[in-house]
PDB file of N, CA and C in Angstrom:
ATOM      1  N   UNK A   1      21.450  35.077 -37.612  1.00  0.00           N
ATOM      2  CA  UNK A   1      20.506  36.063 -37.153  1.00  0.00           C
ATOM      3  C   UNK A   1      19.165  35.444 -36.778  1.00  0.00           C
ATOM      4  N   UNK A   2      18.957  34.183 -37.120  1.00  0.00           N
ATOM      5  CA  UNK A   2      17.687  33.541 -36.786  1.00  0.00           C
ATOM      6  C   UNK A   2      17.529  33.330 -35.286  1.00  0.00           C
ATOM      7  N   UNK A   3      18.614  33.325 -34.547  1.00  0.00           N
ATOM      8  CA  UNK A   3      18.526  33.113 -33.101  1.00  0.00           C
ATOM      9  C   UNK A   3      18.135  34.387 -32.347  1.00  0.00           C
ATOM     10  N   UNK A   4      18.239  35.525 -32.977  1.00  0.00           N
ATOM     11  CA  UNK A   4      17.939  36.798 -32.314  1.00  0.00           C
ATOM     12  C   UNK A   4      16.442  36.961 -32.082  1.00  0.00           C
ATOM     13  N   UNK A   5      15.646  36.560 -33.033  1.00  0.00           N
ATOM     14  CA  UNK A   5      14.193  36.743 -32.932  1.00  0.00           C
ATOM     15  C   UNK A   5      13.595  36.040 -31.713  1.00  0.00           C
ATOM     16  N   UNK A   6      13.919  34.769 -31.450  1.00  0.00           N
ATOM     17  CA  UNK A   6      13.363  34.131 -30.249  1.00  0.00           C
ATOM     18  C   UNK A   6      13.838  34.787 -28.951  1.00  0.00           C
ATOM     19  N   UNK A   7      15.060  35.272 -28.937  1.00  0.00           N
ATOM     20  CA  UNK A   7      15.577  35.936 -27.737  1.00  0.00           C
ATOM     21  C   UNK A   7      14.822  37.240 -27.493  1.00  0.00           C
ATOM     22  N   UNK A   8      14.604  38.017 -28.541  1.00  0.00           N
ATOM     23  CA  UNK A   8      13.852  39.261 -28.407  1.00  0.00           C
ATOM     24  C   UNK A   8      12.405  38.987 -28.006  1.00  0.00           C
ATOM     25  N   UNK A   9      11.829  37.926 -28.544  1.00  0.00           N
ATOM     26  CA  UNK A   9      10.458  37.558 -28.190  1.00  0.00           C
ATOM     27  C   UNK A   9      10.376  37.186 -26.708  1.00  0.00           C
ATOM     28  N   UNK A  10      11.324  36.404 -26.228  1.00  0.00           N
ATOM     29  CA  UNK A  10      11.342  36.017 -24.811  1.00  0.00           C
ATOM     30  C   UNK A  10      11.542  37.241 -23.922  1.00  0.00           C
ATOM     31  N   UNK A  11      12.431  38.133 -24.312  1.00  0.00           N
ATOM     32  CA  UNK A  11      12.668  39.344 -23.523  1.00  0.00           C
ATOM     33  C   UNK A  11      11.414  40.211 -23.480  1.00  0.00           C
ATOM     34  N   UNK A  12      10.726  40.306 -24.593  1.00  0.00           N
ATOM     35  CA  UNK A  12       9.493  41.092 -24.650  1.00  0.00           C
ATOM     36  C   UNK A  12       8.428  40.508 -23.736  1.00  0.00           C
ATOM     37  N   UNK A  13       8.285  39.198 -23.743  1.00  0.00           N
ATOM     38  CA  UNK A  13       7.288  38.544 -22.883  1.00  0.00           C
ATOM     39  C   UNK A  13       7.639  38.704 -21.402  1.00  0.00           C
ATOM     40  N   UNK A  14       8.915  38.598 -21.072  1.00  0.00           N
ATOM     41  CA  UNK A  14       9.334  38.800 -19.686  1.00  0.00           C
ATOM     42  C   UNK A  14       9.073  40.234 -19.241  1.00  0.00           C
ATOM     43  N   UNK A  15       9.322  41.183 -20.115  1.00  0.00           N
ATOM     44  CA  UNK A  15       9.079  42.590 -19.792  1.00  0.00           C
ATOM     45  C   UNK A  15       7.595  42.826 -19.533  1.00  0.00           C
ATOM     46  N   UNK A  16       6.723  42.261 -20.389  1.00  0.00           N
ATOM     47  CA  UNK A  16       5.277  42.417 -20.211  1.00  0.00           C
ATOM     48  C   UNK A  16       4.831  41.847 -18.871  1.00  0.00           C
ATOM     49  N   UNK A  17       5.332  40.683 -18.531  1.00  0.00           N
ATOM     50  CA  UNK A  17       4.972  40.039 -17.267  1.00  0.00           C
ATOM     51  C   UNK A  17       5.437  40.880 -16.082  1.00  0.00           C
ATOM     52  N   UNK A  18       6.651  41.378 -16.154  1.00  0.00           N
ATOM     53  CA  UNK A  18       7.196  42.194 -15.071  1.00  0.00           C
ATOM     54  C   UNK A  18       6.408  43.484 -14.905  1.00  0.00           C
ATOM     55  N   UNK A  19       6.037  44.100 -16.003  1.00  0.00           N
ATOM     56  CA  UNK A  19       5.275  45.352 -15.946  1.00  0.00           C
ATOM     57  C   UNK A  19       3.910  45.120 -15.309  1.00  0.00           C
ATOM     58  N   UNK A  20       3.266  44.003 -15.640  1.00  0.00           N
ATOM     59  CA  UNK A  20       1.959  43.693 -15.052  1.00  0.00           C
ATOM     60  C   UNK A  20       2.086  43.466 -13.551  1.00  0.00           C
ATOM     61  N   UNK A  21       3.125  42.765 -13.137  1.00  0.00           N
ATOM     62  CA  UNK A  21       3.335  42.517 -11.702  1.00  0.00           C
ATOM     63  C   UNK A  21       3.623  43.814 -10.962  1.00  0.00           C
ATOM     64  N   UNK A  22       4.396  44.686 -11.550  1.00  0.00           N
ATOM     65  CA  UNK A  22       4.713  45.963 -10.915  1.00  0.00           C
ATOM     66  C   UNK A  22       3.452  46.808 -10.760  1.00  0.00           C
ATOM     67  N   UNK A  23       2.604  46.811 -11.771  1.00  0.00           N
ATOM     68  CA  UNK A  23       1.349  47.562 -11.692  1.00  0.00           C
ATOM     69  C   UNK A  23       0.453  46.975 -10.615  1.00  0.00           C
ATOM     70  N   UNK A  24       0.425  45.650 -10.515  1.00  0.00           N
ATOM     71  CA  UNK A  24      -0.385  44.997  -9.494  1.00  0.00           C
ATOM     72  C   UNK A  24       0.092  45.390  -8.097  1.00  0.00           C
ATOM     73  N   UNK A  25       1.392  45.403  -7.890  1.00  0.00           N
ATOM     74  CA  UNK A  25       1.931  45.762  -6.580  1.00  0.00           C
ATOM     75  C   UNK A  25       1.643  47.214  -6.234  1.00  0.00           C
ATOM     76  N   UNK A  26       1.697  48.097  -7.211  1.00  0.00           N
ATOM     77  CA  UNK A  26       1.366  49.495  -6.972  1.00  0.00           C
ATOM     78  C   UNK A  26      -0.092  49.620  -6.558  1.00  0.00           C
ATOM     79  N   UNK A  27      -0.975  48.929  -7.277  1.00  0.00           N
ATOM     80  CA  UNK A  27      -2.397  48.954  -6.932  1.00  0.00           C
ATOM     81  C   UNK A  27      -2.630  48.348  -5.554  1.00  0.00           C
ATOM     82  N   UNK A  28      -1.868  47.342  -5.210  1.00  0.00           N
ATOM     83  CA  UNK A  28      -2.010  46.690  -3.916  1.00  0.00           C
ATOM     84  C   UNK A  28      -1.684  47.659  -2.783  1.00  0.00           C
ATOM     85  N   UNK A  29      -0.650  48.453  -2.939  1.00  0.00           N
ATOM     86  CA  UNK A  29      -0.290  49.439  -1.924  1.00  0.00           C
ATOM     87  C   UNK A  29      -1.400  50.474  -1.757  1.00  0.00           C
ATOM     88  N   UNK A  30      -1.966  50.939  -2.863  1.00  0.00           N
ATOM     89  CA  UNK A  30      -3.045  51.920  -2.795  1.00  0.00           C
ATOM     90  C   UNK A  30      -4.284  51.324  -2.133  1.00  0.00           C
ATOM     91  N   UNK A  31      -4.590  50.081  -2.452  1.00  0.00           N
ATOM     92  CA  UNK A  31      -5.743  49.414  -1.861  1.00  0.00           C
ATOM     93  C   UNK A  31      -5.546  49.220  -0.365  1.00  0.00           C
ATOM     94  N   UNK A  32      -4.354  48.845   0.037  1.00  0.00           N
ATOM     95  CA  UNK A  32      -4.056  48.652   1.453  1.00  0.00           C
ATOM     96  C   UNK A  32      -4.220  49.960   2.220  1.00  0.00           C
ATOM     97  N   UNK A  33      -3.740  51.046   1.667  1.00  0.00           N
ATOM     98  CA  UNK A  33      -3.884  52.347   2.320  1.00  0.00           C
ATOM     99  C   UNK A  33      -5.361  52.733   2.426  1.00  0.00           C
ATOM    100  N   UNK A  34      -6.110  52.474   1.389  1.00  0.00           N
ATOM    101  CA  UNK A  34      -7.543  52.772   1.401  1.00  0.00           C
ATOM    102  C   UNK A  34      -8.263  51.945   2.463  1.00  0.00           C
ATOM    103  N   UNK A  35      -7.905  50.684   2.578  1.00  0.00           N
ATOM    104  CA  UNK A  35      -8.518  49.823   3.593  1.00  0.00           C
ATOM    105  C   UNK A  35      -8.159  50.278   5.003  1.00  0.00           C
ATOM    106  N   UNK A  36      -6.934  50.717   5.201  1.00  0.00           N
ATOM    107  CA  UNK A  36      -6.537  51.229   6.521  1.00  0.00           C
ATOM    108  C   UNK A  36      -7.344  52.471   6.885  1.00  0.00           C
ATOM    109  N   UNK A  37      -7.528  53.363   5.918  1.00  0.00           N
ATOM    110  CA  UNK A  37      -8.318  54.566   6.169  1.00  0.00           C
ATOM    111  C   UNK A  37      -9.766  54.214   6.490  1.00  0.00           C
ATOM    112  N   UNK A  38     -10.328  53.269   5.767  1.00  0.00           N
ATOM    113  CA  UNK A  38     -11.702  52.850   6.021  1.00  0.00           C
ATOM    114  C   UNK A  38     -11.821  52.215   7.404  1.00  0.00           C
ATOM    115  N   UNK A  39     -10.819  51.454   7.823  1.00  0.00           N
ATOM    116  CA  UNK A  39     -10.828  50.829   9.141  1.00  0.00           C
ATOM    117  C   UNK A  39     -10.798  51.891  10.236  1.00  0.00           C
ATOM    118  N   UNK A  40      -9.994  52.914  10.052  1.00  0.00           N
ATOM    119  CA  UNK A  40      -9.948  54.010  11.024  1.00  0.00           C
ATOM    120  C   UNK A  40     -11.296  54.723  11.099  1.00  0.00           C
ATOM    121  N   UNK A  41     -11.937  54.932   9.957  1.00  0.00           N
ATOM    122  CA  UNK A  41     -13.263  55.551   9.939  1.00  0.00           C
ATOM    123  C   UNK A  41     -14.275  54.692  10.692  1.00  0.00           C
ATOM    124  N   UNK A  42     -14.224  53.388  10.481  1.00  0.00           N
ATOM    125  CA  UNK A  42     -15.146  52.484  11.171  1.00  0.00           C
ATOM    126  C   UNK A  42     -14.900  52.484  12.678  1.00  0.00           C
ATOM    127  N   UNK A  43     -13.638  52.530  13.078  1.00  0.00           N
ATOM    128  CA  UNK A  43     -13.325  52.580  14.509  1.00  0.00           C
ATOM    129  C   UNK A  43     -13.869  53.865  15.127  1.00  0.00           C
ATOM    130  N   UNK A  44     -13.753  54.968  14.406  1.00  0.00           N
ATOM    131  CA  UNK A  44     -14.261  56.250  14.890  1.00  0.00           C
ATOM    132  C   UNK A  44     -15.777  56.202  15.051  1.00  0.00           C
ATOM    133  N   UNK A  45     -16.464  55.620  14.097  1.00  0.00           N
ATOM    134  CA  UNK A  45     -17.925  55.508  14.165  1.00  0.00           C
ATOM    135  C   UNK A  45     -18.326  54.589  15.313  1.00  0.00           C
ATOM    136  N   UNK A  46     -17.592  53.508  15.526  1.00  0.00           N
ATOM    137  CA  UNK A  46     -17.924  52.550  16.580  1.00  0.00           C
ATOM    138  C   UNK A  46     -17.734  53.161  17.967  1.00  0.00           C
ATOM    139  N   UNK A  47     -16.820  54.117  18.101  1.00  0.00           N
ATOM    140  CA  UNK A  47     -16.564  54.746  19.395  1.00  0.00           C
ATOM    141  C   UNK A  47     -17.635  55.764  19.769  1.00  0.00           C
ATOM    142  N   UNK A  48     -18.432  56.210  18.819  1.00  0.00           N
ATOM    143  CA  UNK A  48     -19.461  57.222  19.092  1.00  0.00           C
ATOM    144  C   UNK A  48     -20.622  56.649  19.838  1.00  0.00           C
TER     145      UNK A  48
END
């Protein structure tokens, strides 16, 4: 049973890393959409 603890520890660390990356990618999509909207606003102002 001593081999189970390191395996669970490694799985836990991999899960934490994956969750952080997934959150980063979600934030990245939201930021990209926000930047696109801001760019459209700037184009509209520049055309006036």
